[in-house]
PDB file of N, CA and C in Angstrom:
ATOM      1  N   UNK A   1       4.373  23.487  -4.653  1.00  0.00           N
ATOM      2  CA  UNK A   1       3.882  22.181  -5.036  1.00  0.00           C
ATOM      3  C   UNK A   1       5.025  21.172  -4.976  1.00  0.00           C
ATOM      4  N   UNK A   2       4.666  19.945  -4.689  1.00  0.00           N
ATOM      5  CA  UNK A   2       5.657  18.874  -4.647  1.00  0.00           C
ATOM      6  C   UNK A   2       5.058  17.672  -5.359  1.00  0.00           C
ATOM      7  N   UNK A   3       5.806  17.103  -6.273  1.00  0.00           N
ATOM      8  CA  UNK A   3       5.389  15.886  -6.963  1.00  0.00           C
ATOM      9  C   UNK A   3       6.245  14.748  -6.439  1.00  0.00           C
ATOM     10  N   UNK A   4       5.591  13.668  -6.006  1.00  0.00           N
ATOM     11  CA  UNK A   4       6.305  12.507  -5.485  1.00  0.00           C
ATOM     12  C   UNK A   4       6.159  11.381  -6.491  1.00  0.00           C
ATOM     13  N   UNK A   5       7.255  10.879  -6.987  1.00  0.00           N
ATOM     14  CA  UNK A   5       7.235   9.765  -7.934  1.00  0.00           C
ATOM     15  C   UNK A   5       7.006   8.460  -7.182  1.00  0.00           C
ATOM     16  N   UNK A   6       6.016   7.698  -7.594  1.00  0.00           N
ATOM     17  CA  UNK A   6       5.647   6.458  -6.918  1.00  0.00           C
ATOM     18  C   UNK A   6       6.819   5.493  -6.807  1.00  0.00           C
ATOM     19  N   UNK A   7       7.620   5.394  -7.853  1.00  0.00           N
ATOM     20  CA  UNK A   7       8.724   4.433  -7.843  1.00  0.00           C
ATOM     21  C   UNK A   7       9.809   4.800  -6.840  1.00  0.00           C
ATOM     22  N   UNK A   8       9.783   6.035  -6.338  1.00  0.00           N
ATOM     23  CA  UNK A   8      10.790   6.447  -5.372  1.00  0.00           C
ATOM     24  C   UNK A   8      10.453   5.980  -3.958  1.00  0.00           C
ATOM     25  N   UNK A   9       9.260   5.455  -3.767  1.00  0.00           N
ATOM     26  CA  UNK A   9       8.802   5.034  -2.443  1.00  0.00           C
ATOM     27  C   UNK A   9       8.787   3.518  -2.336  1.00  0.00           C
ATOM     28  N   UNK A  10       9.078   3.009  -1.146  1.00  0.00           N
ATOM     29  CA  UNK A  10       9.111   1.574  -0.904  1.00  0.00           C
ATOM     30  C   UNK A  10       8.055   1.197   0.133  1.00  0.00           C
ATOM     31  N   UNK A  11       7.536  -0.020   0.013  1.00  0.00           N
ATOM     32  CA  UNK A  11       6.620  -0.545   1.023  1.00  0.00           C
ATOM     33  C   UNK A  11       7.405  -0.942   2.267  1.00  0.00           C
ATOM     34  N   UNK A  12       6.772  -0.759   3.421  1.00  0.00           N
ATOM     35  CA  UNK A  12       7.296  -1.274   4.681  1.00  0.00           C
ATOM     36  C   UNK A  12       6.202  -2.130   5.304  1.00  0.00           C
ATOM     37  N   UNK A  13       6.594  -3.130   6.072  1.00  0.00           N
ATOM     38  CA  UNK A  13       5.621  -3.986   6.731  1.00  0.00           C
ATOM     39  C   UNK A  13       5.098  -3.262   7.968  1.00  0.00           C
ATOM     40  N   UNK A  14       3.785  -3.059   8.007  1.00  0.00           N
ATOM     41  CA  UNK A  14       3.156  -2.418   9.163  1.00  0.00           C
ATOM     42  C   UNK A  14       2.914  -3.465  10.250  1.00  0.00           C
ATOM     43  N   UNK A  15       2.234  -4.541   9.880  1.00  0.00           N
ATOM     44  CA  UNK A  15       2.017  -5.718  10.717  1.00  0.00           C
ATOM     45  C   UNK A  15       1.947  -6.906   9.770  1.00  0.00           C
ATOM     46  N   UNK A  16       1.884  -8.107  10.303  1.00  0.00           N
ATOM     47  CA  UNK A  16       1.826  -9.302   9.455  1.00  0.00           C
ATOM     48  C   UNK A  16       0.673  -9.184   8.463  1.00  0.00           C
ATOM     49  N   UNK A  17       0.990  -9.318   7.184  1.00  0.00           N
ATOM     50  CA  UNK A  17      -0.021  -9.282   6.138  1.00  0.00           C
ATOM     51  C   UNK A  17      -0.420  -7.904   5.665  1.00  0.00           C
ATOM     52  N   UNK A  18       0.196  -6.860   6.210  1.00  0.00           N
ATOM     53  CA  UNK A  18      -0.147  -5.480   5.830  1.00  0.00           C
ATOM     54  C   UNK A  18       1.135  -4.707   5.525  1.00  0.00           C
ATOM     55  N   UNK A  19       1.200  -4.170   4.297  1.00  0.00           N
ATOM     56  CA  UNK A  19       2.312  -3.304   3.901  1.00  0.00           C
ATOM     57  C   UNK A  19       1.768  -1.905   3.649  1.00  0.00           C
ATOM     58  N   UNK A  20       2.580  -0.904   3.936  1.00  0.00           N
ATOM     59  CA  UNK A  20       2.177   0.475   3.675  1.00  0.00           C
ATOM     60  C   UNK A  20       3.302   1.215   2.978  1.00  0.00           C
ATOM     61  N   UNK A  21       2.902   2.219   2.219  1.00  0.00           N
ATOM     62  CA  UNK A  21       3.853   3.075   1.519  1.00  0.00           C
ATOM     63  C   UNK A  21       3.355   4.510   1.682  1.00  0.00           C
ATOM     64  N   UNK A  22       4.186   5.368   2.261  1.00  0.00           N
ATOM     65  CA  UNK A  22       3.828   6.782   2.361  1.00  0.00           C
ATOM     66  C   UNK A  22       4.066   7.411   1.003  1.00  0.00           C
ATOM     67  N   UNK A  23       3.016   8.014   0.450  1.00  0.00           N
ATOM     68  CA  UNK A  23       3.111   8.579  -0.899  1.00  0.00           C
ATOM     69  C   UNK A  23       3.525  10.043  -0.890  1.00  0.00           C
ATOM     70  N   UNK A  24       2.859  10.851  -0.084  1.00  0.00           N
ATOM     71  CA  UNK A  24       3.185  12.281  -0.031  1.00  0.00           C
ATOM     72  C   UNK A  24       2.874  12.802   1.363  1.00  0.00           C
ATOM     73  N   UNK A  25       3.657  13.768   1.786  1.00  0.00           N
ATOM     74  CA  UNK A  25       3.463  14.375   3.091  1.00  0.00           C
ATOM     75  C   UNK A  25       3.395  15.883   2.895  1.00  0.00           C
ATOM     76  N   UNK A  26       2.300  16.466   3.353  1.00  0.00           N
ATOM     77  CA  UNK A  26       2.142  17.907   3.288  1.00  0.00           C
ATOM     78  C   UNK A  26       2.340  18.523   4.658  1.00  0.00           C
ATOM     79  N   UNK A  27       2.023  19.777   4.760  1.00  0.00           N
ATOM     80  CA  UNK A  27       2.152  20.475   6.029  1.00  0.00           C
ATOM     81  C   UNK A  27       1.146  19.945   7.047  1.00  0.00           C
ATOM     82  N   UNK A  28      -0.064  19.570   6.571  1.00  0.00           N
ATOM     83  CA  UNK A  28      -1.135  19.181   7.489  1.00  0.00           C
ATOM     84  C   UNK A  28      -1.682  17.776   7.271  1.00  0.00           C
ATOM     85  N   UNK A  29      -1.247  17.077   6.234  1.00  0.00           N
ATOM     86  CA  UNK A  29      -1.821  15.763   5.937  1.00  0.00           C
ATOM     87  C   UNK A  29      -0.781  14.827   5.335  1.00  0.00           C
ATOM     88  N   UNK A  30      -1.110  13.539   5.376  1.00  0.00           N
ATOM     89  CA  UNK A  30      -0.233  12.504   4.845  1.00  0.00           C
ATOM     90  C   UNK A  30      -1.082  11.542   4.020  1.00  0.00           C
ATOM     91  N   UNK A  31      -0.573  11.149   2.849  1.00  0.00           N
ATOM     92  CA  UNK A  31      -1.253  10.225   1.946  1.00  0.00           C
ATOM     93  C   UNK A  31      -0.463   8.928   1.903  1.00  0.00           C
ATOM     94  N   UNK A  32      -1.165   7.813   2.086  1.00  0.00           N
ATOM     95  CA  UNK A  32      -0.489   6.522   2.073  1.00  0.00           C
ATOM     96  C   UNK A  32      -1.267   5.475   1.309  1.00  0.00           C
ATOM     97  N   UNK A  33      -0.538   4.450   0.873  1.00  0.00           N
ATOM     98  CA  UNK A  33      -1.142   3.306   0.192  1.00  0.00           C
ATOM     99  C   UNK A  33      -0.908   2.076   1.062  1.00  0.00           C
ATOM    100  N   UNK A  34      -1.930   1.267   1.207  1.00  0.00           N
ATOM    101  CA  UNK A  34      -1.865   0.071   2.038  1.00  0.00           C
ATOM    102  C   UNK A  34      -2.252  -1.144   1.213  1.00  0.00           C
ATOM    103  N   UNK A  35      -1.489  -2.218   1.352  1.00  0.00           N
ATOM    104  CA  UNK A  35      -1.801  -3.499   0.724  1.00  0.00           C
ATOM    105  C   UNK A  35      -2.037  -4.487   1.860  1.00  0.00           C
ATOM    106  N   UNK A  36      -3.238  -5.034   1.897  1.00  0.00           N
ATOM    107  CA  UNK A  36      -3.608  -5.994   2.930  1.00  0.00           C
ATOM    108  C   UNK A  36      -3.814  -7.346   2.274  1.00  0.00           C
ATOM    109  N   UNK A  37      -3.065  -8.338   2.708  1.00  0.00           N
ATOM    110  CA  UNK A  37      -3.212  -9.683   2.156  1.00  0.00           C
ATOM    111  C   UNK A  37      -4.515 -10.295   2.659  1.00  0.00           C
ATOM    112  N   UNK A  38      -5.105 -11.189   1.879  1.00  0.00           N
ATOM    113  CA  UNK A  38      -6.343 -11.865   2.284  1.00  0.00           C
ATOM    114  C   UNK A  38      -6.164 -12.469   3.669  1.00  0.00           C
ATOM    115  N   UNK A  39      -7.113 -12.206   4.552  1.00  0.00           N
ATOM    116  CA  UNK A  39      -7.080 -12.731   5.913  1.00  0.00           C
ATOM    117  C   UNK A  39      -6.368 -11.845   6.916  1.00  0.00           C
ATOM    118  N   UNK A  40      -5.671 -10.808   6.453  1.00  0.00           N
ATOM    119  CA  UNK A  40      -4.964  -9.911   7.382  1.00  0.00           C
ATOM    120  C   UNK A  40      -5.960  -9.188   8.269  1.00  0.00           C
ATOM    121  N   UNK A  41      -5.578  -9.015   9.519  1.00  0.00           N
ATOM    122  CA  UNK A  41      -6.439  -8.327  10.487  1.00  0.00           C
ATOM    123  C   UNK A  41      -5.656  -7.189  11.119  1.00  0.00           C
ATOM    124  N   UNK A  42      -6.230  -5.989  11.057  1.00  0.00           N
ATOM    125  CA  UNK A  42      -5.686  -4.849  11.802  1.00  0.00           C
ATOM    126  C   UNK A  42      -6.318  -4.906  13.183  1.00  0.00           C
ATOM    127  N   UNK A  43      -5.534  -5.067  14.236  1.00  0.00           N
ATOM    128  CA  UNK A  43      -6.129  -5.165  15.569  1.00  0.00           C
ATOM    129  C   UNK A  43      -6.804  -3.858  15.963  1.00  0.00           C
ATOM    130  N   UNK A  44      -7.730  -3.921  16.905  1.00  0.00           N
ATOM    131  CA  UNK A  44      -8.398  -2.689  17.356  1.00  0.00           C
ATOM    132  C   UNK A  44      -7.364  -1.660  17.823  1.00  0.00           C
ATOM    133  N   UNK A  45      -7.549  -0.434  17.387  1.00  0.00           N
ATOM    134  CA  UNK A  45      -6.654   0.648  17.767  1.00  0.00           C
ATOM    135  C   UNK A  45      -7.351   1.981  17.559  1.00  0.00           C
ATOM    136  N   UNK A  46      -6.753   3.030  18.069  1.00  0.00           N
ATOM    137  CA  UNK A  46      -7.231   4.401  17.869  1.00  0.00           C
ATOM    138  C   UNK A  46      -6.006   5.300  17.837  1.00  0.00           C
ATOM    139  N   UNK A  47      -6.135   6.427  17.168  1.00  0.00           N
ATOM    140  CA  UNK A  47      -5.063   7.414  17.093  1.00  0.00           C
ATOM    141  C   UNK A  47      -5.703   8.783  16.953  1.00  0.00           C
ATOM    142  N   UNK A  48      -4.988   9.847  17.249  1.00  0.00           N
ATOM    143  CA  UNK A  48      -5.602  11.182  17.209  1.00  0.00           C
ATOM    144  C   UNK A  48      -5.887  11.702  15.802  1.00  0.00           C
ATOM    145  N   UNK A  49      -5.437  10.994  14.773  1.00  0.00           N
ATOM    146  CA  UNK A  49      -5.562  11.472  13.401  1.00  0.00           C
ATOM    147  C   UNK A  49      -6.918  11.108  12.796  1.00  0.00           C
ATOM    148  N   UNK A  50      -7.536  12.057  12.096  1.00  0.00           N
ATOM    149  CA  UNK A  50      -8.674  11.719  11.244  1.00  0.00           C
ATOM    150  C   UNK A  50      -8.121  10.883  10.089  1.00  0.00           C
ATOM    151  N   UNK A  51      -8.861   9.853   9.697  1.00  0.00           N
ATOM    152  CA  UNK A  51      -8.402   8.923   8.666  1.00  0.00           C
ATOM    153  C   UNK A  51      -9.486   8.834   7.586  1.00  0.00           C
ATOM    154  N   UNK A  52      -9.124   9.167   6.370  1.00  0.00           N
ATOM    155  CA  UNK A  52     -10.053   9.141   5.243  1.00  0.00           C
ATOM    156  C   UNK A  52      -9.494   8.156   4.230  1.00  0.00           C
ATOM    157  N   UNK A  53     -10.308   7.172   3.837  1.00  0.00           N
ATOM    158  CA  UNK A  53      -9.801   6.126   2.963  1.00  0.00           C
ATOM    159  C   UNK A  53     -10.668   5.859   1.754  1.00  0.00           C
ATOM    160  N   UNK A  54     -10.057   5.189   0.780  1.00  0.00           N
ATOM    161  CA  UNK A  54     -10.706   4.797  -0.478  1.00  0.00           C
ATOM    162  C   UNK A  54     -10.207   3.406  -0.826  1.00  0.00           C
ATOM    163  N   UNK A  55     -11.120   2.475  -1.089  1.00  0.00           N
ATOM    164  CA  UNK A  55     -10.729   1.117  -1.440  1.00  0.00           C
ATOM    165  C   UNK A  55     -10.567   1.004  -2.947  1.00  0.00           C
ATOM    166  N   UNK A  56      -9.339   0.756  -3.383  1.00  0.00           N
ATOM    167  CA  UNK A  56      -9.019   0.627  -4.803  1.00  0.00           C
ATOM    168  C   UNK A  56      -9.421  -0.751  -5.306  1.00  0.00           C
ATOM    169  N   UNK A  57      -9.083  -1.796  -4.529  1.00  0.00           N
ATOM    170  CA  UNK A  57      -9.400  -3.168  -4.941  1.00  0.00           C
ATOM    171  C   UNK A  57      -9.534  -4.041  -3.707  1.00  0.00           C
ATOM    172  N   UNK A  58     -10.224  -5.168  -3.862  1.00  0.00           N
ATOM    173  CA  UNK A  58     -10.363  -6.122  -2.771  1.00  0.00           C
ATOM    174  C   UNK A  58     -11.664  -5.960  -2.019  1.00  0.00           C
ATOM    175  N   UNK A  59     -11.667  -6.370  -0.770  1.00  0.00           N
ATOM    176  CA  UNK A  59     -12.855  -6.288   0.087  1.00  0.00           C
ATOM    177  C   UNK A  59     -12.393  -6.239   1.538  1.00  0.00           C
ATOM    178  N   UNK A  60     -12.939  -5.294   2.294  1.00  0.00           N
ATOM    179  CA  UNK A  60     -12.585  -5.120   3.697  1.00  0.00           C
ATOM    180  C   UNK A  60     -13.833  -5.087   4.558  1.00  0.00           C
ATOM    181  N   UNK A  61     -13.742  -5.681   5.743  1.00  0.00           N
ATOM    182  CA  UNK A  61     -14.754  -5.512   6.781  1.00  0.00           C
ATOM    183  C   UNK A  61     -14.142  -4.662   7.875  1.00  0.00           C
ATOM    184  N   UNK A  62     -14.889  -3.655   8.321  1.00  0.00           N
ATOM    185  CA  UNK A  62     -14.446  -2.762   9.382  1.00  0.00           C
ATOM    186  C   UNK A  62     -15.372  -2.885  10.584  1.00  0.00           C
ATOM    187  N   UNK A  63     -14.827  -2.598  11.739  1.00  0.00           N
ATOM    188  CA  UNK A  63     -15.628  -2.248  12.908  1.00  0.00           C
ATOM    189  C   UNK A  63     -15.086  -0.898  13.343  1.00  0.00           C
ATOM    190  N   UNK A  64     -15.951   0.117  13.283  1.00  0.00           N
ATOM    191  CA  UNK A  64     -15.574   1.484  13.616  1.00  0.00           C
ATOM    192  C   UNK A  64     -16.523   1.962  14.703  1.00  0.00           C
ATOM    193  N   UNK A  65     -15.974   2.250  15.868  1.00  0.00           N
ATOM    194  CA  UNK A  65     -16.779   2.715  16.997  1.00  0.00           C
ATOM    195  C   UNK A  65     -17.941   1.756  17.264  1.00  0.00           C
ATOM    196  N   UNK A  66     -17.654   0.448  17.154  1.00  0.00           N
ATOM    197  CA  UNK A  66     -18.654  -0.576  17.450  1.00  0.00           C
ATOM    198  C   UNK A  66     -19.611  -0.911  16.318  1.00  0.00           C
ATOM    199  N   UNK A  67     -19.553  -0.175  15.205  1.00  0.00           N
ATOM    200  CA  UNK A  67     -20.438  -0.420  14.055  1.00  0.00           C
ATOM    201  C   UNK A  67     -19.693  -1.223  13.001  1.00  0.00           C
ATOM    202  N   UNK A  68     -20.374  -2.203  12.397  1.00  0.00           N
ATOM    203  CA  UNK A  68     -19.770  -3.022  11.348  1.00  0.00           C
ATOM    204  C   UNK A  68     -20.065  -2.437   9.974  1.00  0.00           C
ATOM    205  N   UNK A  69     -19.052  -2.459   9.108  1.00  0.00           N
ATOM    206  CA  UNK A  69     -19.165  -1.957   7.740  1.00  0.00           C
ATOM    207  C   UNK A  69     -18.414  -2.905   6.804  1.00  0.00           C
ATOM    208  N   UNK A  70     -18.895  -3.035   5.587  1.00  0.00           N
ATOM    209  CA  UNK A  70     -18.201  -3.792   4.546  1.00  0.00           C
ATOM    210  C   UNK A  70     -17.878  -2.841   3.409  1.00  0.00           C
ATOM    211  N   UNK A  71     -16.640  -2.889   2.923  1.00  0.00           N
ATOM    212  CA  UNK A  71     -16.208  -1.999   1.837  1.00  0.00           C
ATOM    213  C   UNK A  71     -15.822  -2.815   0.618  1.00  0.00           C
ATOM    214  N   UNK A  72     -16.263  -2.340  -0.526  1.00  0.00           N
ATOM    215  CA  UNK A  72     -15.926  -2.907  -1.835  1.00  0.00           C
ATOM    216  C   UNK A  72     -15.209  -1.822  -2.642  1.00  0.00           C
ATOM    217  N   UNK A  73     -14.545  -2.184  -3.748  1.00  0.00           N
ATOM    218  CA  UNK A  73     -13.841  -1.179  -4.543  1.00  0.00           C
ATOM    219  C   UNK A  73     -14.733   0.015  -4.894  1.00  0.00           C
ATOM    220  N   UNK A  74     -14.176   1.192  -4.708  1.00  0.00           N
ATOM    221  CA  UNK A  74     -14.901   2.429  -4.965  1.00  0.00           C
ATOM    222  C   UNK A  74     -15.532   3.023  -3.714  1.00  0.00           C
ATOM    223  N   UNK A  75     -15.623   2.239  -2.630  1.00  0.00           N
ATOM    224  CA  UNK A  75     -16.168   2.757  -1.376  1.00  0.00           C
ATOM    225  C   UNK A  75     -15.115   3.580  -0.652  1.00  0.00           C
ATOM    226  N   UNK A  76     -15.571   4.504   0.177  1.00  0.00           N
ATOM    227  CA  UNK A  76     -14.660   5.332   0.963  1.00  0.00           C
ATOM    228  C   UNK A  76     -15.186   5.456   2.390  1.00  0.00           C
ATOM    229  N   UNK A  77     -14.334   5.934   3.294  1.00  0.00           N
ATOM    230  CA  UNK A  77     -14.704   6.021   4.698  1.00  0.00           C
ATOM    231  C   UNK A  77     -13.980   7.176   5.365  1.00  0.00           C
ATOM    232  N   UNK A  78     -14.539   7.576   6.493  1.00  0.00           N
ATOM    233  CA  UNK A  78     -13.907   8.568   7.368  1.00  0.00           C
ATOM    234  C   UNK A  78     -13.969   8.002   8.780  1.00  0.00           C
ATOM    235  N   UNK A  79     -12.812   7.983   9.430  1.00  0.00           N
ATOM    236  CA  UNK A  79     -12.734   7.548  10.821  1.00  0.00           C
ATOM    237  C   UNK A  79     -12.224   8.744  11.616  1.00  0.00           C
ATOM    238  N   UNK A  80     -13.070   9.296  12.487  1.00  0.00           N
ATOM    239  CA  UNK A  80     -12.624  10.454  13.272  1.00  0.00           C
ATOM    240  C   UNK A  80     -11.449  10.092  14.178  1.00  0.00           C
ATOM    241  N   UNK A  81     -10.699  11.090  14.570  1.00  0.00           N
ATOM    242  CA  UNK A  81      -9.595  10.867  15.493  1.00  0.00           C
ATOM    243  C   UNK A  81     -10.083  10.305  16.812  1.00  0.00           C
ATOM    244  N   UNK A  82      -9.261   9.485  17.436  1.00  0.00           N
ATOM    245  CA  UNK A  82      -9.522   8.896  18.742  1.00  0.00           C
ATOM    246  C   UNK A  82     -10.721   7.955  18.785  1.00  0.00           C
ATOM    247  N   UNK A  83     -11.118   7.412  17.641  1.00  0.00           N
ATOM    248  CA  UNK A  83     -12.214   6.445  17.579  1.00  0.00           C
ATOM    249  C   UNK A  83     -11.623   5.060  17.320  1.00  0.00           C
ATOM    250  N   UNK A  84     -11.993   4.088  18.143  1.00  0.00           N
ATOM    251  CA  UNK A  84     -11.479   2.730  17.994  1.00  0.00           C
ATOM    252  C   UNK A  84     -11.980   2.111  16.691  1.00  0.00           C
ATOM    253  N   UNK A  85     -11.069   1.410  16.009  1.00  0.00           N
ATOM    254  CA  UNK A  85     -11.442   0.752  14.750  1.00  0.00           C
ATOM    255  C   UNK A  85     -10.538  -0.446  14.494  1.00  0.00           C
ATOM    256  N   UNK A  86     -11.039  -1.365  13.684  1.00  0.00           N
ATOM    257  CA  UNK A  86     -10.317  -2.553  13.268  1.00  0.00           C
ATOM    258  C   UNK A  86     -10.753  -2.887  11.852  1.00  0.00           C
ATOM    259  N   UNK A  87      -9.971  -3.698  11.161  1.00  0.00           N
ATOM    260  CA  UNK A  87     -10.343  -4.090   9.793  1.00  0.00           C
ATOM    261  C   UNK A  87      -9.838  -5.497   9.517  1.00  0.00           C
ATOM    262  N   UNK A  88     -10.554  -6.187   8.637  1.00  0.00           N
ATOM    263  CA  UNK A  88     -10.133  -7.508   8.170  1.00  0.00           C
ATOM    264  C   UNK A  88     -10.216  -7.514   6.657  1.00  0.00           C
ATOM    265  N   UNK A  89      -9.160  -8.013   6.008  1.00  0.00           N
ATOM    266  CA  UNK A  89      -9.144  -8.128   4.547  1.00  0.00           C
ATOM    267  C   UNK A  89      -9.793  -9.457   4.162  1.00  0.00           C
ATOM    268  N   UNK A  90     -10.905  -9.388   3.456  1.00  0.00           N
ATOM    269  CA  UNK A  90     -11.594 -10.597   3.005  1.00  0.00           C
ATOM    270  C   UNK A  90     -10.898 -11.194   1.791  1.00  0.00           C
ATOM    271  N   UNK A  91     -10.181 -10.342   1.067  1.00  0.00           N
ATOM    272  CA  UNK A  91      -9.335 -10.757  -0.052  1.00  0.00           C
ATOM    273  C   UNK A  91      -8.202  -9.750  -0.126  1.00  0.00           C
ATOM    274  N   UNK A  92      -7.175 -10.033  -0.898  1.00  0.00           N
ATOM    275  CA  UNK A  92      -6.070  -9.079  -1.009  1.00  0.00           C
ATOM    276  C   UNK A  92      -6.641  -7.738  -1.477  1.00  0.00           C
ATOM    277  N   UNK A  93      -6.283  -6.680  -0.757  1.00  0.00           N
ATOM    278  CA  UNK A  93      -6.910  -5.368  -0.958  1.00  0.00           C
ATOM    279  C   UNK A  93      -5.869  -4.263  -1.015  1.00  0.00           C
ATOM    280  N   UNK A  94      -6.201  -3.212  -1.753  1.00  0.00           N
ATOM    281  CA  UNK A  94      -5.376  -2.008  -1.818  1.00  0.00           C
ATOM    282  C   UNK A  94      -6.259  -0.831  -1.421  1.00  0.00           C
ATOM    283  N   UNK A  95      -5.785  -0.059  -0.447  1.00  0.00           N
ATOM    284  CA  UNK A  95      -6.512   1.117   0.016  1.00  0.00           C
ATOM    285  C   UNK A  95      -5.575   2.316   0.006  1.00  0.00           C
ATOM    286  N   UNK A  96      -6.140   3.477  -0.288  1.00  0.00           N
ATOM    287  CA  UNK A  96      -5.435   4.750  -0.215  1.00  0.00           C
ATOM    288  C   UNK A  96      -6.047   5.508   0.960  1.00  0.00           C
ATOM    289  N   UNK A  97      -5.186   6.049   1.827  1.00  0.00           N
ATOM    290  CA  UNK A  97      -5.703   6.756   2.998  1.00  0.00           C
ATOM    291  C   UNK A  97      -4.956   8.065   3.239  1.00  0.00           C
ATOM    292  N   UNK A  98      -5.710   9.027   3.771  1.00  0.00           N
ATOM    293  CA  UNK A  98      -5.185  10.329   4.155  1.00  0.00           C
ATOM    294  C   UNK A  98      -5.322  10.443   5.667  1.00  0.00           C
ATOM    295  N   UNK A  99      -4.277  10.930   6.316  1.00  0.00           N
ATOM    296  CA  UNK A  99      -4.290  11.163   7.754  1.00  0.00           C
ATOM    297  C   UNK A  99      -4.075  12.643   8.018  1.00  0.00           C
ATOM    298  N   UNK A 100      -4.926  13.204   8.895  1.00  0.00           N
ATOM    299  CA  UNK A 100      -4.838  14.608   9.276  1.00  0.00           C
ATOM    300  C   UNK A 100      -4.915  14.673  10.801  1.00  0.00           C
ATOM    301  N   UNK A 101      -3.940  15.259  11.488  1.00  0.00           N
ATOM    302  CA  UNK A 101      -2.704  15.809  10.953  1.00  0.00           C
ATOM    303  C   UNK A 101      -1.755  14.698  10.501  1.00  0.00           C
ATOM    304  N   UNK A 102      -0.586  15.089  10.074  1.00  0.00           N
ATOM    305  CA  UNK A 102       0.425  14.146   9.597  1.00  0.00           C
ATOM    306  C   UNK A 102       0.727  13.117  10.690  1.00  0.00           C
ATOM    307  N   UNK A 103       0.758  11.843  10.297  1.00  0.00           N
ATOM    308  CA  UNK A 103       1.211  10.791  11.214  1.00  0.00           C
ATOM    309  C   UNK A 103       2.735  10.760  11.156  1.00  0.00           C
ATOM    310  N   UNK A 104       3.343  11.255  12.189  1.00  0.00           N
ATOM    311  CA  UNK A 104       4.807  11.314  12.225  1.00  0.00           C
ATOM    312  C   UNK A 104       5.411   9.915  12.129  1.00  0.00           C
ATOM    313  N   UNK A 105       4.717   8.894  12.662  1.00  0.00           N
ATOM    314  CA  UNK A 105       5.246   7.538  12.626  1.00  0.00           C
ATOM    315  C   UNK A 105       5.188   6.938  11.221  1.00  0.00           C
ATOM    316  N   UNK A 106       4.516   7.606  10.274  1.00  0.00           N
ATOM    317  CA  UNK A 106       4.447   7.126   8.893  1.00  0.00           C
ATOM    318  C   UNK A 106       5.386   7.877   7.962  1.00  0.00           C
ATOM    319  N   UNK A 107       6.121   8.830   8.482  1.00  0.00           N
ATOM    320  CA  UNK A 107       7.117   9.521   7.652  1.00  0.00           C
ATOM    321  C   UNK A 107       8.233   8.540   7.333  1.00  0.00           C
ATOM    322  N   UNK A 108       8.542   8.373   6.078  1.00  0.00           N
ATOM    323  CA  UNK A 108       9.614   7.451   5.697  1.00  0.00           C
ATOM    324  C   UNK A 108      10.719   8.193   4.972  1.00  0.00           C
TER     325      UNK A 108
END
């Protein structure tokens, strides 16, 4: 078992208006926290990792594989690997996400 203290981790800027913090990294998965400022847009992208998320606060609009979704606090999502997706923060938002397998580019 490994316990990661939150205060030991720092946010890094992913893109304009979006900060991320890698919380814990296991053998097969990675847990991260994302802060999206109101109006921030994640451009369309895809990656081989399955992405499972939970919205802690705020409001997000997604387009996942051409389908539109709106998320409010307490909502969760799964984005399969290699599926195109984008998101827009309607207000400042905090999301927790798990990536499987580990996103090597998110190791900090």
